[in-house]
Amino acid sequence: HPKEGSFNAAIRDMVLEKLHDAGADVRLIDLYKEG
């Protein structure tokens, strides 16, 4: 998603939070941020 303040960003953050809660090792690829 191209905008950091989007609702998609909130969904992303919830997904990451639940992965962290589950004890997962996590890697995030932010396609727009990395160009």
All heavy atoms as atom14 arrays in JSON, in Angstrom:
{
  "sequence": "HPKEGSFNAAIRDMVLEKLHDAGADVRLIDLYKEG",
  "atom14_mask": [
    [1, 1, 1, 1, 1, 1, 1, 1, 1, 1, 0, 0, 0, 0],
    [1, 1, 1, 1, 1, 1, 1, 0, 0, 0, 0, 0, 0, 0],
    [1, 1, 1, 1, 1, 1, 1, 1, 1, 0, 0, 0, 0, 0],
    [1, 1, 1, 1, 1, 1, 1, 1, 1, 0, 0, 0, 0, 0],
    [1, 1, 1, 1, 0, 0, 0, 0, 0, 0, 0, 0, 0, 0],
    [1, 1, 1, 1, 1, 1, 0, 0, 0, 0, 0, 0, 0, 0],
    [1, 1, 1, 1, 1, 1, 1, 1, 1, 1, 1, 0, 0, 0],
    [1, 1, 1, 1, 1, 1, 1, 1, 0, 0, 0, 0, 0, 0],
    [1, 1, 1, 1, 1, 0, 0, 0, 0, 0, 0, 0, 0, 0],
    [1, 1, 1, 1, 1, 0, 0, 0, 0, 0, 0, 0, 0, 0],
    [1, 1, 1, 1, 1, 1, 1, 1, 0, 0, 0, 0, 0, 0],
    [1, 1, 1, 1, 1, 1, 1, 1, 1, 1, 1, 0, 0, 0],
    [1, 1, 1, 1, 1, 1, 1, 1, 0, 0, 0, 0, 0, 0],
    [1, 1, 1, 1, 1, 1, 1, 1, 0, 0, 0, 0, 0, 0],
    [1, 1, 1, 1, 1, 1, 1, 0, 0, 0, 0, 0, 0, 0],
    [1, 1, 1, 1, 1, 1, 1, 1, 0, 0, 0, 0, 0, 0],
    [1, 1, 1, 1, 1, 1, 1, 1, 1, 0, 0, 0, 0, 0],
    [1, 1, 1, 1, 1, 1, 1, 1, 1, 0, 0, 0, 0, 0],
    [1, 1, 1, 1, 1, 1, 1, 1, 0, 0, 0, 0, 0, 0],
    [1, 1, 1, 1, 1, 1, 1, 1, 1, 1, 0, 0, 0, 0],
    [1, 1, 1, 1, 1, 1, 1, 1, 0, 0, 0, 0, 0, 0],
    [1, 1, 1, 1, 1, 0, 0, 0, 0, 0, 0, 0, 0, 0],
    [1, 1, 1, 1, 0, 0, 0, 0, 0, 0, 0, 0, 0, 0],
    [1, 1, 1, 1, 1, 0, 0, 0, 0, 0, 0, 0, 0, 0],
    [1, 1, 1, 1, 1, 1, 1, 1, 0, 0, 0, 0, 0, 0],
    [1, 1, 1, 1, 1, 1, 1, 0, 0, 0, 0, 0, 0, 0],
    [1, 1, 1, 1, 1, 1, 1, 1, 1, 1, 1, 0, 0, 0],
    [1, 1, 1, 1, 1, 1, 1, 1, 0, 0, 0, 0, 0, 0],
    [1, 1, 1, 1, 1, 1, 1, 1, 0, 0, 0, 0, 0, 0],
    [1, 1, 1, 1, 1, 1, 1, 1, 0, 0, 0, 0, 0, 0],
    [1, 1, 1, 1, 1, 1, 1, 1, 0, 0, 0, 0, 0, 0],
    [1, 1, 1, 1, 1, 1, 1, 1, 1, 1, 1, 1, 0, 0],
    [1, 1, 1, 1, 1, 1, 1, 1, 1, 0, 0, 0, 0, 0],
    [1, 1, 1, 1, 1, 1, 1, 1, 1, 0, 0, 0, 0, 0],
    [1, 1, 1, 1, 0, 0, 0, 0, 0, 0, 0, 0, 0, 0]
  ],
  "atom14_positions": [
    [[0.85, -1.18, 0.0], [0.0, 0.0, 0.0], [0.89, 1.23, 0.0], [1.88, 1.28, 0.74], [-0.93, 0.04, 1.21], [-2.08, 0.99, 1.04], [-1.93, 2.36, 1.1], [-3.4, 0.77, 0.77], [-3.1, 2.94, 0.89], [-4.01, 2.0, 0.68], [0.0, 0.0, 0.0], [0.0, 0.0, 0.0], [0.0, 0.0, 0.0], [0.0, 0.0, 0.0]],
    [[0.57, 2.25, -0.82], [1.47, 3.41, -0.94], [1.41, 4.41, 0.2], [2.32, 5.23, 0.33], [1.0, 4.06, -2.24], [-0.45, 3.69, -2.36], [-0.53, 2.3, -1.8], [0.0, 0.0, 0.0], [0.0, 0.0, 0.0], [0.0, 0.0, 0.0], [0.0, 0.0, 0.0], [0.0, 0.0, 0.0], [0.0, 0.0, 0.0], [0.0, 0.0, 0.0]],
    [[0.37, 4.37, 1.04], [0.22, 5.38, 2.09], [0.35, 4.76, 3.47], [-0.4, 3.84, 3.82], [-1.13, 6.09, 1.94], [-1.3, 6.85, 0.64], [-2.57, 7.68, 0.62], [-2.49, 8.83, 1.6], [-3.66, 9.74, 1.5], [0.0, 0.0, 0.0], [0.0, 0.0, 0.0], [0.0, 0.0, 0.0], [0.0, 0.0, 0.0], [0.0, 0.0, 0.0]],
    [[1.26, 5.29, 4.26], [1.5, 4.74, 5.58], [0.3, 4.9, 6.49], [0.05, 4.06, 7.36], [2.73, 5.4, 6.21], [3.05, 4.91, 7.61], [3.2, 3.4, 7.72], [3.7, 2.78, 6.76], [2.8, 2.83, 8.76], [0.0, 0.0, 0.0], [0.0, 0.0, 0.0], [0.0, 0.0, 0.0], [0.0, 0.0, 0.0], [0.0, 0.0, 0.0]],
    [[-0.48, 5.96, 6.34], [-1.62, 6.18, 7.22], [-2.89, 5.48, 6.8], [-3.97, 5.77, 7.33], [0.0, 0.0, 0.0], [0.0, 0.0, 0.0], [0.0, 0.0, 0.0], [0.0, 0.0, 0.0], [0.0, 0.0, 0.0], [0.0, 0.0, 0.0], [0.0, 0.0, 0.0], [0.0, 0.0, 0.0], [0.0, 0.0, 0.0], [0.0, 0.0, 0.0]],
    [[-2.81, 4.54, 5.88], [-4.0, 3.87, 5.37], [-4.56, 2.86, 6.37], [-3.87, 2.46, 7.33], [-3.67, 3.14, 4.07], [-2.87, 2.0, 4.35], [0.0, 0.0, 0.0], [0.0, 0.0, 0.0], [0.0, 0.0, 0.0], [0.0, 0.0, 0.0], [0.0, 0.0, 0.0], [0.0, 0.0, 0.0], [0.0, 0.0, 0.0], [0.0, 0.0, 0.0]],
    [[-5.79, 2.43, 6.14], [-6.37, 1.38, 6.97], [-5.64, 0.07, 6.76], [-5.54, -0.76, 7.68], [-7.86, 1.23, 6.64], [-8.56, 0.21, 7.49], [-8.55, 0.31, 8.88], [-9.26, -0.84, 6.92], [-9.19, -0.64, 9.68], [-9.91, -1.78, 7.71], [-9.87, -1.68, 9.09], [0.0, 0.0, 0.0], [0.0, 0.0, 0.0], [0.0, 0.0, 0.0]],
    [[-5.08, -0.12, 5.56], [-4.27, -1.31, 5.33], [-3.08, -1.37, 6.28], [-2.67, -2.44, 6.71], [-3.78, -1.36, 3.88], [-4.76, -2.01, 2.95], [-4.61, -3.16, 2.55], [-5.8, -1.27, 2.58], [0.0, 0.0, 0.0], [0.0, 0.0, 0.0], [0.0, 0.0, 0.0], [0.0, 0.0, 0.0], [0.0, 0.0, 0.0], [0.0, 0.0, 0.0]],
    [[-2.52, -0.2, 6.61], [-1.41, -0.17, 7.57], [-1.87, -0.65, 8.94], [-1.13, -1.35, 9.65], [-0.82, 1.24, 7.65], [0.0, 0.0, 0.0], [0.0, 0.0, 0.0], [0.0, 0.0, 0.0], [0.0, 0.0, 0.0], [0.0, 0.0, 0.0], [0.0, 0.0, 0.0], [0.0, 0.0, 0.0], [0.0, 0.0, 0.0], [0.0, 0.0, 0.0]],
    [[-3.1, -0.29, 9.32], [-3.64, -0.75, 10.6], [-3.84, -2.26, 10.58], [-3.59, -2.95, 11.59], [-4.96, -0.03, 10.9], [0.0, 0.0, 0.0], [0.0, 0.0, 0.0], [0.0, 0.0, 0.0], [0.0, 0.0, 0.0], [0.0, 0.0, 0.0], [0.0, 0.0, 0.0], [0.0, 0.0, 0.0], [0.0, 0.0, 0.0], [0.0, 0.0, 0.0]],
    [[-4.3, -2.79, 9.46], [-4.46, -4.24, 9.32], [-3.1, -4.92, 9.41], [-2.93, -5.92, 10.11], [-5.15, -4.58, 7.99], [-6.58, -4.05, 7.99], [-5.13, -6.09, 7.75], [-7.28, -4.18, 6.65], [0.0, 0.0, 0.0], [0.0, 0.0, 0.0], [0.0, 0.0, 0.0], [0.0, 0.0, 0.0], [0.0, 0.0, 0.0], [0.0, 0.0, 0.0]],
    [[-2.12, -4.37, 8.69], [-0.75, -4.9, 8.76], [-0.25, -4.95, 10.2], [0.29, -5.97, 10.65], [0.17, -4.02, 7.92], [1.65, -4.36, 8.01], [2.51, -3.15, 7.68], [2.29, -2.06, 8.62], [2.61, -0.79, 8.38], [3.14, -0.44, 7.23], [2.38, 0.14, 9.3], [0.0, 0.0, 0.0], [0.0, 0.0, 0.0], [0.0, 0.0, 0.0]],
    [[-0.45, -3.87, 10.94], [0.03, -3.81, 12.31], [-0.67, -4.84, 13.2], [-0.04, -5.43, 14.1], [-0.15, -2.41, 12.88], [0.76, -1.39, 12.22], [1.72, -1.81, 11.53], [0.52, -0.18, 12.39], [0.0, 0.0, 0.0], [0.0, 0.0, 0.0], [0.0, 0.0, 0.0], [0.0, 0.0, 0.0], [0.0, 0.0, 0.0], [0.0, 0.0, 0.0]],
    [[-1.96, -5.07, 12.96], [-2.67, -6.09, 13.73], [-2.12, -7.49, 13.41], [-1.93, -8.32, 14.31], [-4.17, -6.04, 13.43], [-5.0, -7.08, 14.17], [-4.88, -6.94, 15.98], [-5.91, -5.47, 16.23], [0.0, 0.0, 0.0], [0.0, 0.0, 0.0], [0.0, 0.0, 0.0], [0.0, 0.0, 0.0], [0.0, 0.0, 0.0], [0.0, 0.0, 0.0]],
    [[-1.86, -7.74, 12.14], [-1.28, -9.03, 11.73], [0.07, -9.23, 12.4], [0.36, -10.3, 12.95], [-1.16, -9.09, 10.19], [-0.27, -10.26, 9.76], [-2.53, -9.2, 9.55], [0.0, 0.0, 0.0], [0.0, 0.0, 0.0], [0.0, 0.0, 0.0], [0.0, 0.0, 0.0], [0.0, 0.0, 0.0], [0.0, 0.0, 0.0], [0.0, 0.0, 0.0]],
    [[0.92, -8.2, 12.38], [2.23, -8.3, 13.0], [2.14, -8.51, 14.5], [2.89, -9.29, 15.09], [3.04, -7.04, 12.7], [3.42, -6.81, 11.23], [4.08, -5.45, 11.05], [4.34, -7.92, 10.71], [0.0, 0.0, 0.0], [0.0, 0.0, 0.0], [0.0, 0.0, 0.0], [0.0, 0.0, 0.0], [0.0, 0.0, 0.0], [0.0, 0.0, 0.0]],
    [[1.19, -7.82, 15.13], [1.0, -7.98, 16.57], [0.63, -9.41, 16.94], [1.16, -9.99, 17.9], [-0.09, -7.01, 17.06], [-0.42, -7.14, 18.53], [-1.57, -6.23, 18.96], [-1.7, -5.13, 18.39], [-2.33, -6.64, 19.85], [0.0, 0.0, 0.0], [0.0, 0.0, 0.0], [0.0, 0.0, 0.0], [0.0, 0.0, 0.0], [0.0, 0.0, 0.0]],
    [[-0.29, -10.0, 16.17], [-0.72, -11.36, 16.47], [0.37, -12.38, 16.17], [0.47, -13.41, 16.86], [-2.01, -11.69, 15.7], [-3.2, -10.86, 16.16], [-3.44, -11.02, 17.65], [-4.57, -10.15, 18.15], [-4.79, -10.3, 19.61], [0.0, 0.0, 0.0], [0.0, 0.0, 0.0], [0.0, 0.0, 0.0], [0.0, 0.0, 0.0], [0.0, 0.0, 0.0]],
    [[1.19, -12.12, 15.17], [2.32, -13.0, 14.91], [3.32, -12.94, 16.07], [3.85, -13.96, 16.52], [3.01, -12.6, 13.61], [2.26, -12.95, 12.32], [2.92, -12.28, 11.13], [2.21, -14.46, 12.11], [0.0, 0.0, 0.0], [0.0, 0.0, 0.0], [0.0, 0.0, 0.0], [0.0, 0.0, 0.0], [0.0, 0.0, 0.0], [0.0, 0.0, 0.0]],
    [[3.56, -11.73, 16.54], [4.47, -11.57, 17.68], [3.91, -12.27, 18.92], [4.65, -12.97, 19.63], [4.66, -10.08, 17.97], [5.45, -9.79, 19.21], [6.75, -10.24, 19.38], [5.14, -9.1, 20.33], [7.19, -9.84, 20.57], [6.23, -9.15, 21.16], [0.0, 0.0, 0.0], [0.0, 0.0, 0.0], [0.0, 0.0, 0.0], [0.0, 0.0, 0.0]],
    [[2.62, -12.13, 19.16], [1.98, -12.79, 20.29], [2.1, -14.31, 20.19], [2.15, -15.0, 21.21], [0.5, -12.41, 20.39], [0.28, -10.98, 20.86], [1.27, -10.34, 21.31], [-0.86, -10.49, 20.78], [0.0, 0.0, 0.0], [0.0, 0.0, 0.0], [0.0, 0.0, 0.0], [0.0, 0.0, 0.0], [0.0, 0.0, 0.0], [0.0, 0.0, 0.0]],
    [[2.11, -14.82, 18.96], [2.21, -16.27, 18.75], [3.64, -16.77, 18.84], [3.89, -17.97, 18.72], [1.61, -16.64, 17.4], [0.0, 0.0, 0.0], [0.0, 0.0, 0.0], [0.0, 0.0, 0.0], [0.0, 0.0, 0.0], [0.0, 0.0, 0.0], [0.0, 0.0, 0.0], [0.0, 0.0, 0.0], [0.0, 0.0, 0.0], [0.0, 0.0, 0.0]],
    [[4.59, -15.86, 19.04], [5.98, -16.26, 19.16], [6.68, -16.5, 17.85], [7.7, -17.2, 17.79], [0.0, 0.0, 0.0], [0.0, 0.0, 0.0], [0.0, 0.0, 0.0], [0.0, 0.0, 0.0], [0.0, 0.0, 0.0], [0.0, 0.0, 0.0], [0.0, 0.0, 0.0], [0.0, 0.0, 0.0], [0.0, 0.0, 0.0], [0.0, 0.0, 0.0]],
    [[6.16, -15.94, 16.77], [6.72, -16.17, 15.44], [7.96, -15.33, 15.19], [8.1, -14.22, 15.71], [5.67, -15.86, 14.37], [0.0, 0.0, 0.0], [0.0, 0.0, 0.0], [0.0, 0.0, 0.0], [0.0, 0.0, 0.0], [0.0, 0.0, 0.0], [0.0, 0.0, 0.0], [0.0, 0.0, 0.0], [0.0, 0.0, 0.0], [0.0, 0.0, 0.0]],
    [[8.87, -15.86, 14.38], [9.91, -15.06, 13.77], [9.28, -14.4, 12.55], [8.62, -15.08, 11.75], [11.1, -15.91, 13.34], [11.87, -16.47, 14.52], [11.96, -15.77, 15.54], [12.36, -17.6, 14.43], [0.0, 0.0, 0.0], [0.0, 0.0, 0.0], [0.0, 0.0, 0.0], [0.0, 0.0, 0.0], [0.0, 0.0, 0.0], [0.0, 0.0, 0.0]],
    [[9.46, -13.09, 12.39], [8.72, -12.35, 11.38], [9.66, -11.55, 10.47], [10.61, -10.92, 10.95], [7.7, -11.39, 12.03], [6.93, -10.61, 10.95], [6.74, -12.14, 12.92], [0.0, 0.0, 0.0], [0.0, 0.0, 0.0], [0.0, 0.0, 0.0], [0.0, 0.0, 0.0], [0.0, 0.0, 0.0], [0.0, 0.0, 0.0], [0.0, 0.0, 0.0]],
    [[9.36, -11.58, 9.19], [9.99, -10.7, 8.23], [8.89, -9.95, 7.49], [7.89, -10.56, 7.07], [10.87, -11.46, 7.24], [12.06, -12.14, 7.89], [12.96, -12.8, 6.86], [14.06, -13.54, 7.51], [15.02, -14.18, 6.86], [15.02, -14.18, 5.52], [15.97, -14.82, 7.53], [0.0, 0.0, 0.0], [0.0, 0.0, 0.0], [0.0, 0.0, 0.0]],
    [[9.08, -8.65, 7.33], [8.1, -7.8, 6.64], [8.72, -7.24, 5.38], [9.8, -6.65, 5.41], [7.67, -6.65, 7.56], [6.83, -5.54, 6.91], [5.46, -6.08, 6.48], [6.68, -4.36, 7.87], [0.0, 0.0, 0.0], [0.0, 0.0, 0.0], [0.0, 0.0, 0.0], [0.0, 0.0, 0.0], [0.0, 0.0, 0.0], [0.0, 0.0, 0.0]],
    [[8.03, -7.44, 4.26], [8.41, -6.8, 3.0], [7.37, -5.71, 2.73], [6.21, -6.01, 2.49], [8.44, -7.8, 1.83], [9.55, -8.84, 2.04], [8.64, -7.07, 0.51], [9.59, -9.91, 0.95], [0.0, 0.0, 0.0], [0.0, 0.0, 0.0], [0.0, 0.0, 0.0], [0.0, 0.0, 0.0], [0.0, 0.0, 0.0], [0.0, 0.0, 0.0]],
    [[7.8, -4.45, 2.78], [6.94, -3.31, 2.48], [7.32, -2.84, 1.07], [8.3, -2.13, 0.87], [7.16, -2.2, 3.51], [6.2, -1.03, 3.36], [5.76, -0.77, 2.21], [5.92, -0.36, 4.36], [0.0, 0.0, 0.0], [0.0, 0.0, 0.0], [0.0, 0.0, 0.0], [0.0, 0.0, 0.0], [0.0, 0.0, 0.0], [0.0, 0.0, 0.0]],
    [[6.54, -3.27, 0.09], [6.92, -3.09, -1.31], [7.08, -1.63, -1.71], [8.04, -1.25, -2.38], [5.9, -3.78, -2.21], [5.84, -5.3, -2.08], [4.7, -5.87, -2.92], [7.17, -5.92, -2.5], [0.0, 0.0, 0.0], [0.0, 0.0, 0.0], [0.0, 0.0, 0.0], [0.0, 0.0, 0.0], [0.0, 0.0, 0.0], [0.0, 0.0, 0.0]],
    [[6.14, -0.78, -1.3], [6.23, 0.64, -1.66], [7.37, 1.32, -0.92], [8.1, 2.14, -1.49], [4.91, 1.35, -1.39], [3.86, 1.13, -2.43], [2.93, 0.11, -2.29], [3.79, 1.93, -3.58], [1.95, -0.11, -3.25], [2.82, 1.74, -4.54], [1.91, 0.72, -4.38], [0.94, 0.5, -5.33], [0.0, 0.0, 0.0], [0.0, 0.0, 0.0]],
    [[7.54, 1.0, 0.35], [8.57, 1.65, 1.16], [9.96, 1.37, 0.61], [10.83, 2.25, 0.62], [8.47, 1.19, 2.61], [9.39, 1.94, 3.55], [9.13, 1.53, 4.99], [10.01, 2.32, 5.95], [9.73, 1.95, 7.37], [0.0, 0.0, 0.0], [0.0, 0.0, 0.0], [0.0, 0.0, 0.0], [0.0, 0.0, 0.0], [0.0, 0.0, 0.0]],
    [[10.18, 0.16, 0.13], [11.5, -0.17, -0.4], [11.66, 0.21, -1.87], [12.75, 0.06, -2.43], [11.82, -1.64, -0.2], [11.12, -2.59, -1.15], [11.7, -4.01, -1.07], [11.66, -4.6, 0.02], [12.16, -4.5, -2.1], [0.0, 0.0, 0.0], [0.0, 0.0, 0.0], [0.0, 0.0, 0.0], [0.0, 0.0, 0.0], [0.0, 0.0, 0.0]],
    [[10.59, 0.69, -2.49], [10.67, 1.1, -3.88], [10.82, -0.08, -4.83], [11.51, 0.01, -5.85], [0.0, 0.0, 0.0], [0.0, 0.0, 0.0], [0.0, 0.0, 0.0], [0.0, 0.0, 0.0], [0.0, 0.0, 0.0], [0.0, 0.0, 0.0], [0.0, 0.0, 0.0], [0.0, 0.0, 0.0], [0.0, 0.0, 0.0], [0.0, 0.0, 0.0]]
  ]
}
